[in-house]
ModelCIF file with pLDDT and N, C-alpha, C, O atoms, coordinates in Angstrom:
data_MODEL
#
_entry.id   MODEL 
#
_entity.id                         1 
_entity.type                       polymer 
_entity.pdbx_number_of_molecules   1 
#
_entity_poly.entity_id                      1 
_entity_poly.type                           'polypeptide(L)' 
_entity_poly.nstd_linkage                   no 
_entity_poly.nstd_monomer                   no 
_entity_poly.pdbx_seq_one_letter_code       NDWTCQATMGHHSKHLNPIKVFDTDYENYEISYGCWSFHGL 
_entity_poly.pdbx_seq_one_letter_code_can   NDWTCQATMGHHSKHLNPIKVFDTDYENYEISYGCWSFHGL 
_entity_poly.pdbx_strand_id                 A 
#
loop_
_entity_poly_seq.entity_id 
_entity_poly_seq.num 
_entity_poly_seq.mon_id 
_entity_poly_seq.hetero 
1 1  ASN n 
1 2  ASP n 
1 3  TRP n 
1 4  THR n 
1 5  CYS n 
1 6  GLN n 
1 7  ALA n 
1 8  THR n 
1 9  MET n 
1 10 GLY n 
1 11 HIS n 
1 12 HIS n 
1 13 SER n 
1 14 LYS n 
1 15 HIS n 
1 16 LEU n 
1 17 ASN n 
1 18 PRO n 
1 19 ILE n 
1 20 LYS n 
1 21 VAL n 
1 22 PHE n 
1 23 ASP n 
1 24 THR n 
1 25 ASP n 
1 26 TYR n 
1 27 GLU n 
1 28 ASN n 
1 29 TYR n 
1 30 GLU n 
1 31 ILE n 
1 32 SER n 
1 33 TYR n 
1 34 GLY n 
1 35 CYS n 
1 36 TRP n 
1 37 SER n 
1 38 PHE n 
1 39 HIS n 
1 40 GLY n 
1 41 LEU n 
#
_struct_asym.id          A 
_struct_asym.entity_id   1 
#
loop_
_ma_qa_metric.id 
_ma_qa_metric.mode 
_ma_qa_metric.name 
_ma_qa_metric.software_group_id 
_ma_qa_metric.type 
1 global pLDDT . pLDDT 
2 local  pLDDT . pLDDT 
#
_ma_qa_metric_global.metric_id      1 
_ma_qa_metric_global.metric_value   92.24 
_ma_qa_metric_global.model_id       1 
_ma_qa_metric_global.ordinal_id     1 
#
loop_
_ma_qa_metric_local.label_asym_id 
_ma_qa_metric_local.label_comp_id 
_ma_qa_metric_local.label_seq_id 
_ma_qa_metric_local.metric_id 
_ma_qa_metric_local.metric_value 
_ma_qa_metric_local.model_id 
_ma_qa_metric_local.ordinal_id 
A ASN 1  2 90.00 1 1  
A ASP 2  2 93.00 1 2  
A TRP 3  2 95.00 1 3  
A THR 4  2 96.00 1 4  
A CYS 5  2 96.00 1 5  
A GLN 6  2 96.00 1 6  
A ALA 7  2 96.00 1 7  
A THR 8  2 95.00 1 8  
A MET 9  2 92.00 1 9  
A GLY 10 2 86.00 1 10 
A HIS 11 2 74.00 1 11 
A HIS 12 2 75.00 1 12 
A SER 13 2 79.00 1 13 
A LYS 14 2 87.00 1 14 
A HIS 15 2 92.00 1 15 
A LEU 16 2 95.00 1 16 
A ASN 17 2 94.00 1 17 
A PRO 18 2 94.00 1 18 
A ILE 19 2 95.00 1 19 
A LYS 20 2 94.00 1 20 
A VAL 21 2 96.00 1 21 
A PHE 22 2 96.00 1 22 
A ASP 23 2 97.00 1 23 
A THR 24 2 98.00 1 24 
A ASP 25 2 98.00 1 25 
A TYR 26 2 98.00 1 26 
A GLU 27 2 97.00 1 27 
A ASN 28 2 98.00 1 28 
A TYR 29 2 98.00 1 29 
A GLU 30 2 98.00 1 30 
A ILE 31 2 97.00 1 31 
A SER 32 2 96.00 1 32 
A TYR 33 2 95.00 1 33 
A GLY 34 2 92.00 1 34 
A CYS 35 2 91.00 1 35 
A TRP 36 2 89.00 1 36 
A SER 37 2 88.00 1 37 
A PHE 38 2 90.00 1 38 
A HIS 39 2 86.00 1 39 
A GLY 40 2 83.00 1 40 
A LEU 41 2 87.00 1 41 
#
loop_
_atom_site.group_PDB 
_atom_site.id 
_atom_site.type_symbol 
_atom_site.label_atom_id 
_atom_site.label_alt_id 
_atom_site.label_comp_id 
_atom_site.label_asym_id 
_atom_site.label_entity_id 
_atom_site.label_seq_id 
_atom_site.pdbx_PDB_ins_code 
_atom_site.Cartn_x 
_atom_site.Cartn_y 
_atom_site.Cartn_z 
_atom_site.occupancy 
_atom_site.B_iso_or_equiv 
_atom_site.pdbx_formal_charge 
_atom_site.auth_seq_id 
_atom_site.auth_comp_id 
_atom_site.auth_asym_id 
_atom_site.auth_atom_id 
_atom_site.pdbx_PDB_model_num 
ATOM 1   N N  . ASN A 1 1  ? 2.407   16.717 14.505 1.00 90.00 ? 1  ASN A N  1 
ATOM 2   C CA . ASN A 1 1  ? 1.857   15.455 15.708 1.00 90.00 ? 1  ASN A CA 1 
ATOM 3   C C  . ASN A 1 1  ? 1.707   13.736 14.638 1.00 90.00 ? 1  ASN A C  1 
ATOM 4   O O  . ASN A 1 1  ? 2.068   12.601 14.949 1.00 90.00 ? 1  ASN A O  1 
ATOM 5   N N  . ASP A 1 2  ? 1.178   14.139 13.641 1.00 93.00 ? 2  ASP A N  1 
ATOM 6   C CA . ASP A 1 2  ? 0.441   12.881 12.866 1.00 93.00 ? 2  ASP A CA 1 
ATOM 7   C C  . ASP A 1 2  ? 2.205   12.024 12.164 1.00 93.00 ? 2  ASP A C  1 
ATOM 8   O O  . ASP A 1 2  ? 2.574   11.030 12.790 1.00 93.00 ? 2  ASP A O  1 
ATOM 9   N N  . TRP A 1 3  ? 2.859   12.367 11.278 1.00 95.00 ? 3  TRP A N  1 
ATOM 10  C CA . TRP A 1 3  ? 3.620   11.859 10.339 1.00 95.00 ? 3  TRP A CA 1 
ATOM 11  C C  . TRP A 1 3  ? 5.181   12.663 9.787  1.00 95.00 ? 3  TRP A C  1 
ATOM 12  O O  . TRP A 1 3  ? 5.112   13.433 8.829  1.00 95.00 ? 3  TRP A O  1 
ATOM 13  N N  . THR A 1 4  ? 6.286   12.456 10.346 1.00 96.00 ? 4  THR A N  1 
ATOM 14  C CA . THR A 1 4  ? 6.833   13.282 8.836  1.00 96.00 ? 4  THR A CA 1 
ATOM 15  C C  . THR A 1 4  ? 7.112   12.186 7.541  1.00 96.00 ? 4  THR A C  1 
ATOM 16  O O  . THR A 1 4  ? 7.843   12.616 6.648  1.00 96.00 ? 4  THR A O  1 
ATOM 17  N N  . CYS A 1 5  ? 6.765   11.294 7.446  1.00 96.00 ? 5  CYS A N  1 
ATOM 18  C CA . CYS A 1 5  ? 6.707   10.831 5.702  1.00 96.00 ? 5  CYS A CA 1 
ATOM 19  C C  . CYS A 1 5  ? 5.289   9.831  6.091  1.00 96.00 ? 5  CYS A C  1 
ATOM 20  O O  . CYS A 1 5  ? 4.685   9.539  7.123  1.00 96.00 ? 5  CYS A O  1 
ATOM 21  N N  . GLN A 1 6  ? 5.131   9.420  4.204  1.00 96.00 ? 6  GLN A N  1 
ATOM 22  C CA . GLN A 1 6  ? 4.181   8.987  4.092  1.00 96.00 ? 6  GLN A CA 1 
ATOM 23  C C  . GLN A 1 6  ? 4.922   7.464  3.444  1.00 96.00 ? 6  GLN A C  1 
ATOM 24  O O  . GLN A 1 6  ? 5.723   7.832  2.584  1.00 96.00 ? 6  GLN A O  1 
ATOM 25  N N  . ALA A 1 7  ? 4.932   6.415  3.517  1.00 96.00 ? 7  ALA A N  1 
ATOM 26  C CA . ALA A 1 7  ? 4.861   4.989  2.665  1.00 96.00 ? 7  ALA A CA 1 
ATOM 27  C C  . ALA A 1 7  ? 4.493   3.950  1.847  1.00 96.00 ? 7  ALA A C  1 
ATOM 28  O O  . ALA A 1 7  ? 3.988   3.287  2.752  1.00 96.00 ? 7  ALA A O  1 
ATOM 29  N N  . THR A 1 8  ? 4.343   3.310  0.935  1.00 95.00 ? 8  THR A N  1 
ATOM 30  C CA . THR A 1 8  ? 3.825   2.194  0.433  1.00 95.00 ? 8  THR A CA 1 
ATOM 31  C C  . THR A 1 8  ? 4.753   1.051  0.819  1.00 95.00 ? 8  THR A C  1 
ATOM 32  O O  . THR A 1 8  ? 5.904   1.090  0.384  1.00 95.00 ? 8  THR A O  1 
ATOM 33  N N  . MET A 1 9  ? 4.183   -0.459 1.970  1.00 92.00 ? 9  MET A N  1 
ATOM 34  C CA . MET A 1 9  ? 4.419   -1.459 2.165  1.00 92.00 ? 9  MET A CA 1 
ATOM 35  C C  . MET A 1 9  ? 4.421   -2.139 1.566  1.00 92.00 ? 9  MET A C  1 
ATOM 36  O O  . MET A 1 9  ? 3.340   -2.458 1.072  1.00 92.00 ? 9  MET A O  1 
ATOM 37  N N  . GLY A 1 10 ? 5.563   -2.807 1.204  1.00 86.00 ? 10 GLY A N  1 
ATOM 38  C CA . GLY A 1 10 ? 5.200   -4.346 -0.577 1.00 86.00 ? 10 GLY A CA 1 
ATOM 39  C C  . GLY A 1 10 ? 5.233   -3.577 -1.830 1.00 86.00 ? 10 GLY A C  1 
ATOM 40  O O  . GLY A 1 10 ? 5.104   -2.376 -2.066 1.00 86.00 ? 10 GLY A O  1 
ATOM 41  N N  . HIS A 1 11 ? 5.534   -5.056 -2.887 1.00 74.00 ? 11 HIS A N  1 
ATOM 42  C CA . HIS A 1 11 ? 5.691   -3.642 -3.522 1.00 74.00 ? 11 HIS A CA 1 
ATOM 43  C C  . HIS A 1 11 ? 3.958   -3.577 -4.483 1.00 74.00 ? 11 HIS A C  1 
ATOM 44  O O  . HIS A 1 11 ? 4.203   -3.094 -5.589 1.00 74.00 ? 11 HIS A O  1 
ATOM 45  N N  . HIS A 1 12 ? 2.934   -3.798 -4.399 1.00 75.00 ? 12 HIS A N  1 
ATOM 46  C CA . HIS A 1 12 ? 1.938   -3.687 -4.747 1.00 75.00 ? 12 HIS A CA 1 
ATOM 47  C C  . HIS A 1 12 ? -0.072  -3.097 -4.152 1.00 75.00 ? 12 HIS A C  1 
ATOM 48  O O  . HIS A 1 12 ? -1.227  -2.996 -4.567 1.00 75.00 ? 12 HIS A O  1 
ATOM 49  N N  . SER A 1 13 ? 1.151   -2.819 -2.481 1.00 79.00 ? 13 SER A N  1 
ATOM 50  C CA . SER A 1 13 ? -0.060  -2.003 -2.360 1.00 79.00 ? 13 SER A CA 1 
ATOM 51  C C  . SER A 1 13 ? 0.838   -0.379 -2.755 1.00 79.00 ? 13 SER A C  1 
ATOM 52  O O  . SER A 1 13 ? 2.017   -0.215 -3.067 1.00 79.00 ? 13 SER A O  1 
ATOM 53  N N  . LYS A 1 14 ? -0.472  0.812  -2.551 1.00 87.00 ? 14 LYS A N  1 
ATOM 54  C CA . LYS A 1 14 ? -0.553  2.106  -2.458 1.00 87.00 ? 14 LYS A CA 1 
ATOM 55  C C  . LYS A 1 14 ? -0.848  2.965  -1.619 1.00 87.00 ? 14 LYS A C  1 
ATOM 56  O O  . LYS A 1 14 ? -0.725  4.187  -1.714 1.00 87.00 ? 14 LYS A O  1 
ATOM 57  N N  . HIS A 1 15 ? -1.375  2.150  -0.496 1.00 92.00 ? 15 HIS A N  1 
ATOM 58  C CA . HIS A 1 15 ? -1.525  2.473  0.238  1.00 92.00 ? 15 HIS A CA 1 
ATOM 59  C C  . HIS A 1 15 ? -0.404  3.430  1.607  1.00 92.00 ? 15 HIS A C  1 
ATOM 60  O O  . HIS A 1 15 ? 0.677   2.922  1.904  1.00 92.00 ? 15 HIS A O  1 
ATOM 61  N N  . LEU A 1 16 ? -0.609  4.040  1.919  1.00 95.00 ? 16 LEU A N  1 
ATOM 62  C CA . LEU A 1 16 ? 0.296   5.169  2.743  1.00 95.00 ? 16 LEU A CA 1 
ATOM 63  C C  . LEU A 1 16 ? -0.306  4.760  4.113  1.00 95.00 ? 16 LEU A C  1 
ATOM 64  O O  . LEU A 1 16 ? -1.379  4.758  4.715  1.00 95.00 ? 16 LEU A O  1 
ATOM 65  N N  . ASN A 1 17 ? 1.545   4.271  4.324  1.00 94.00 ? 17 ASN A N  1 
ATOM 66  C CA . ASN A 1 17 ? 1.401   4.305  5.974  1.00 94.00 ? 17 ASN A CA 1 
ATOM 67  C C  . ASN A 1 17 ? 2.220   4.919  6.906  1.00 94.00 ? 17 ASN A C  1 
ATOM 68  O O  . ASN A 1 17 ? 3.359   4.452  6.892  1.00 94.00 ? 17 ASN A O  1 
ATOM 69  N N  . PRO A 1 18 ? 1.969   6.126  8.006  1.00 94.00 ? 18 PRO A N  1 
ATOM 70  C CA . PRO A 1 18 ? 3.019   7.541  8.605  1.00 94.00 ? 18 PRO A CA 1 
ATOM 71  C C  . PRO A 1 18 ? 4.095   6.490  8.654  1.00 94.00 ? 18 PRO A C  1 
ATOM 72  O O  . PRO A 1 18 ? 4.034   5.268  8.790  1.00 94.00 ? 18 PRO A O  1 
ATOM 73  N N  . ILE A 1 19 ? 5.264   7.464  8.478  1.00 95.00 ? 19 ILE A N  1 
ATOM 74  C CA . ILE A 1 19 ? 6.563   8.176  9.366  1.00 95.00 ? 19 ILE A CA 1 
ATOM 75  C C  . ILE A 1 19 ? 6.767   7.986  10.324 1.00 95.00 ? 19 ILE A C  1 
ATOM 76  O O  . ILE A 1 19 ? 6.975   6.774  10.260 1.00 95.00 ? 19 ILE A O  1 
ATOM 77  N N  . LYS A 1 20 ? 6.917   8.291  11.478 1.00 94.00 ? 20 LYS A N  1 
ATOM 78  C CA . LYS A 1 20 ? 7.478   8.559  12.787 1.00 94.00 ? 20 LYS A CA 1 
ATOM 79  C C  . LYS A 1 20 ? 8.754   9.030  12.977 1.00 94.00 ? 20 LYS A C  1 
ATOM 80  O O  . LYS A 1 20 ? 9.206   8.969  14.120 1.00 94.00 ? 20 LYS A O  1 
ATOM 81  N N  . VAL A 1 21 ? 9.344   9.430  12.206 1.00 96.00 ? 21 VAL A N  1 
ATOM 82  C CA . VAL A 1 21 ? 10.233  9.902  12.855 1.00 96.00 ? 21 VAL A CA 1 
ATOM 83  C C  . VAL A 1 21 ? 10.519  10.767 14.352 1.00 96.00 ? 21 VAL A C  1 
ATOM 84  O O  . VAL A 1 21 ? 10.679  11.980 14.490 1.00 96.00 ? 21 VAL A O  1 
ATOM 85  N N  . PHE A 1 22 ? 10.520  10.054 15.046 1.00 96.00 ? 22 PHE A N  1 
ATOM 86  C CA . PHE A 1 22 ? 10.768  11.406 16.427 1.00 96.00 ? 22 PHE A CA 1 
ATOM 87  C C  . PHE A 1 22 ? 11.899  12.169 16.438 1.00 96.00 ? 22 PHE A C  1 
ATOM 88  O O  . PHE A 1 22 ? 11.810  13.385 16.604 1.00 96.00 ? 22 PHE A O  1 
ATOM 89  N N  . ASP A 1 23 ? 13.019  11.592 16.276 1.00 97.00 ? 23 ASP A N  1 
ATOM 90  C CA . ASP A 1 23 ? 14.635  12.420 16.464 1.00 97.00 ? 23 ASP A CA 1 
ATOM 91  C C  . ASP A 1 23 ? 15.679  11.657 15.898 1.00 97.00 ? 23 ASP A C  1 
ATOM 92  O O  . ASP A 1 23 ? 15.740  10.434 15.768 1.00 97.00 ? 23 ASP A O  1 
ATOM 93  N N  . THR A 1 24 ? 16.662  12.707 15.510 1.00 98.00 ? 24 THR A N  1 
ATOM 94  C CA . THR A 1 24 ? 18.054  11.548 14.330 1.00 98.00 ? 24 THR A CA 1 
ATOM 95  C C  . THR A 1 24 ? 18.450  13.058 14.832 1.00 98.00 ? 24 THR A C  1 
ATOM 96  O O  . THR A 1 24 ? 17.918  13.996 15.426 1.00 98.00 ? 24 THR A O  1 
ATOM 97  N N  . ASP A 1 25 ? 20.015  12.642 14.085 1.00 98.00 ? 25 ASP A N  1 
ATOM 98  C CA . ASP A 1 25 ? 21.196  13.610 14.565 1.00 98.00 ? 25 ASP A CA 1 
ATOM 99  C C  . ASP A 1 25 ? 21.869  13.141 13.232 1.00 98.00 ? 25 ASP A C  1 
ATOM 100 O O  . ASP A 1 25 ? 22.885  13.563 12.680 1.00 98.00 ? 25 ASP A O  1 
ATOM 101 N N  . TYR A 1 26 ? 20.873  11.993 12.826 1.00 98.00 ? 26 TYR A N  1 
ATOM 102 C CA . TYR A 1 26 ? 21.480  11.883 10.924 1.00 98.00 ? 26 TYR A CA 1 
ATOM 103 C C  . TYR A 1 26 ? 22.656  10.359 11.097 1.00 98.00 ? 26 TYR A C  1 
ATOM 104 O O  . TYR A 1 26 ? 22.758  9.279  10.516 1.00 98.00 ? 26 TYR A O  1 
ATOM 105 N N  . GLU A 1 27 ? 23.560  11.234 12.516 1.00 97.00 ? 27 GLU A N  1 
ATOM 106 C CA . GLU A 1 27 ? 25.206  10.583 11.910 1.00 97.00 ? 27 GLU A CA 1 
ATOM 107 C C  . GLU A 1 27 ? 25.015  9.567  12.767 1.00 97.00 ? 27 GLU A C  1 
ATOM 108 O O  . GLU A 1 27 ? 24.828  8.528  12.134 1.00 97.00 ? 27 GLU A O  1 
ATOM 109 N N  . ASN A 1 28 ? 24.984  9.428  13.802 1.00 98.00 ? 28 ASN A N  1 
ATOM 110 C CA . ASN A 1 28 ? 24.457  8.869  15.484 1.00 98.00 ? 28 ASN A CA 1 
ATOM 111 C C  . ASN A 1 28 ? 23.460  7.588  15.328 1.00 98.00 ? 28 ASN A C  1 
ATOM 112 O O  . ASN A 1 28 ? 23.534  6.389  15.057 1.00 98.00 ? 28 ASN A O  1 
ATOM 113 N N  . TYR A 1 29 ? 22.239  8.812  15.747 1.00 98.00 ? 29 TYR A N  1 
ATOM 114 C CA . TYR A 1 29 ? 20.825  8.014  16.277 1.00 98.00 ? 29 TYR A CA 1 
ATOM 115 C C  . TYR A 1 29 ? 19.914  8.610  15.829 1.00 98.00 ? 29 TYR A C  1 
ATOM 116 O O  . TYR A 1 29 ? 19.775  9.833  15.797 1.00 98.00 ? 29 TYR A O  1 
ATOM 117 N N  . GLU A 1 30 ? 18.720  7.239  15.170 1.00 98.00 ? 30 GLU A N  1 
ATOM 118 C CA . GLU A 1 30 ? 17.331  8.055  15.343 1.00 98.00 ? 30 GLU A CA 1 
ATOM 119 C C  . GLU A 1 30 ? 16.424  6.863  15.782 1.00 98.00 ? 30 GLU A C  1 
ATOM 120 O O  . GLU A 1 30 ? 16.539  5.638  15.809 1.00 98.00 ? 30 GLU A O  1 
ATOM 121 N N  . ILE A 1 31 ? 15.267  7.974  16.187 1.00 97.00 ? 31 ILE A N  1 
ATOM 122 C CA . ILE A 1 31 ? 14.285  7.583  17.582 1.00 97.00 ? 31 ILE A CA 1 
ATOM 123 C C  . ILE A 1 31 ? 13.138  7.921  16.918 1.00 97.00 ? 31 ILE A C  1 
ATOM 124 O O  . ILE A 1 31 ? 12.660  8.957  16.456 1.00 97.00 ? 31 ILE A O  1 
ATOM 125 N N  . SER A 1 32 ? 12.632  6.065  17.042 1.00 96.00 ? 32 SER A N  1 
ATOM 126 C CA . SER A 1 32 ? 11.193  5.785  16.903 1.00 96.00 ? 32 SER A CA 1 
ATOM 127 C C  . SER A 1 32 ? 10.309  5.406  17.569 1.00 96.00 ? 32 SER A C  1 
ATOM 128 O O  . SER A 1 32 ? 10.289  4.481  18.381 1.00 96.00 ? 32 SER A O  1 
ATOM 129 N N  . TYR A 1 33 ? 8.975   6.599  17.045 1.00 95.00 ? 33 TYR A N  1 
ATOM 130 C CA . TYR A 1 33 ? 8.158   6.619  18.675 1.00 95.00 ? 33 TYR A CA 1 
ATOM 131 C C  . TYR A 1 33 ? 6.607   6.637  17.847 1.00 95.00 ? 33 TYR A C  1 
ATOM 132 O O  . TYR A 1 33 ? 6.419   7.472  16.963 1.00 95.00 ? 33 TYR A O  1 
ATOM 133 N N  . GLY A 1 34 ? 5.811   5.897  18.125 1.00 92.00 ? 34 GLY A N  1 
ATOM 134 C CA . GLY A 1 34 ? 4.350   6.250  18.040 1.00 92.00 ? 34 GLY A CA 1 
ATOM 135 C C  . GLY A 1 34 ? 3.775   6.135  19.185 1.00 92.00 ? 34 GLY A C  1 
ATOM 136 O O  . GLY A 1 34 ? 4.183   6.189  20.345 1.00 92.00 ? 34 GLY A O  1 
ATOM 137 N N  . CYS A 1 35 ? 2.341   5.897  18.494 1.00 91.00 ? 35 CYS A N  1 
ATOM 138 C CA . CYS A 1 35 ? 0.746   5.557  19.862 1.00 91.00 ? 35 CYS A CA 1 
ATOM 139 C C  . CYS A 1 35 ? 0.139   5.812  19.263 1.00 91.00 ? 35 CYS A C  1 
ATOM 140 O O  . CYS A 1 35 ? 0.017   6.613  18.337 1.00 91.00 ? 35 CYS A O  1 
ATOM 141 N N  . TRP A 1 36 ? -0.555  4.860  19.914 1.00 89.00 ? 36 TRP A N  1 
ATOM 142 C CA . TRP A 1 36 ? -2.145  4.969  20.073 1.00 89.00 ? 36 TRP A CA 1 
ATOM 143 C C  . TRP A 1 36 ? -3.123  4.694  20.680 1.00 89.00 ? 36 TRP A C  1 
ATOM 144 O O  . TRP A 1 36 ? -3.096  3.567  21.175 1.00 89.00 ? 36 TRP A O  1 
ATOM 145 N N  . SER A 1 37 ? -4.697  5.727  20.990 1.00 88.00 ? 37 SER A N  1 
ATOM 146 C CA . SER A 1 37 ? -5.454  6.426  22.049 1.00 88.00 ? 37 SER A CA 1 
ATOM 147 C C  . SER A 1 37 ? -6.412  4.896  21.658 1.00 88.00 ? 37 SER A C  1 
ATOM 148 O O  . SER A 1 37 ? -6.562  4.494  20.504 1.00 88.00 ? 37 SER A O  1 
ATOM 149 N N  . PHE A 1 38 ? -6.886  4.321  22.680 1.00 90.00 ? 38 PHE A N  1 
ATOM 150 C CA . PHE A 1 38 ? -7.855  3.167  22.493 1.00 90.00 ? 38 PHE A CA 1 
ATOM 151 C C  . PHE A 1 38 ? -9.058  3.952  23.473 1.00 90.00 ? 38 PHE A C  1 
ATOM 152 O O  . PHE A 1 38 ? -9.308  3.538  24.605 1.00 90.00 ? 38 PHE A O  1 
ATOM 153 N N  . HIS A 1 39 ? -9.981  5.520  22.671 1.00 86.00 ? 39 HIS A N  1 
ATOM 154 C CA . HIS A 1 39 ? -11.332 5.999  22.994 1.00 86.00 ? 39 HIS A CA 1 
ATOM 155 C C  . HIS A 1 39 ? -10.684 7.221  24.525 1.00 86.00 ? 39 HIS A C  1 
ATOM 156 O O  . HIS A 1 39 ? -11.380 7.740  25.398 1.00 86.00 ? 39 HIS A O  1 
ATOM 157 N N  . GLY A 1 40 ? -9.461  7.306  24.362 1.00 83.00 ? 40 GLY A N  1 
ATOM 158 C CA . GLY A 1 40 ? -9.339  7.667  25.514 1.00 83.00 ? 40 GLY A CA 1 
ATOM 159 C C  . GLY A 1 40 ? -8.616  7.380  26.821 1.00 83.00 ? 40 GLY A C  1 
ATOM 160 O O  . GLY A 1 40 ? -7.772  8.017  27.452 1.00 83.00 ? 40 GLY A O  1 
ATOM 161 N N  . LEU A 1 41 ? -9.325  6.009  27.058 1.00 87.00 ? 41 LEU A N  1 
ATOM 162 C CA . LEU A 1 41 ? -8.916  5.163  27.848 1.00 87.00 ? 41 LEU A CA 1 
ATOM 163 C C  . LEU A 1 41 ? -7.729  4.465  28.363 1.00 87.00 ? 41 LEU A C  1 
ATOM 164 O O  . LEU A 1 41 ? -7.848  3.614  29.245 1.00 87.00 ? 41 LEU A O  1 
#
């Protein structure tokens, strides 16, 4: 439930960002989904 891959963004960045592939059939569609909780409120 954390991520599918981790990725750098930009030529000089070494920070790894989460890449969240929710679902794909590889040939027709891909669904990306992410969620951020604010103290559970």
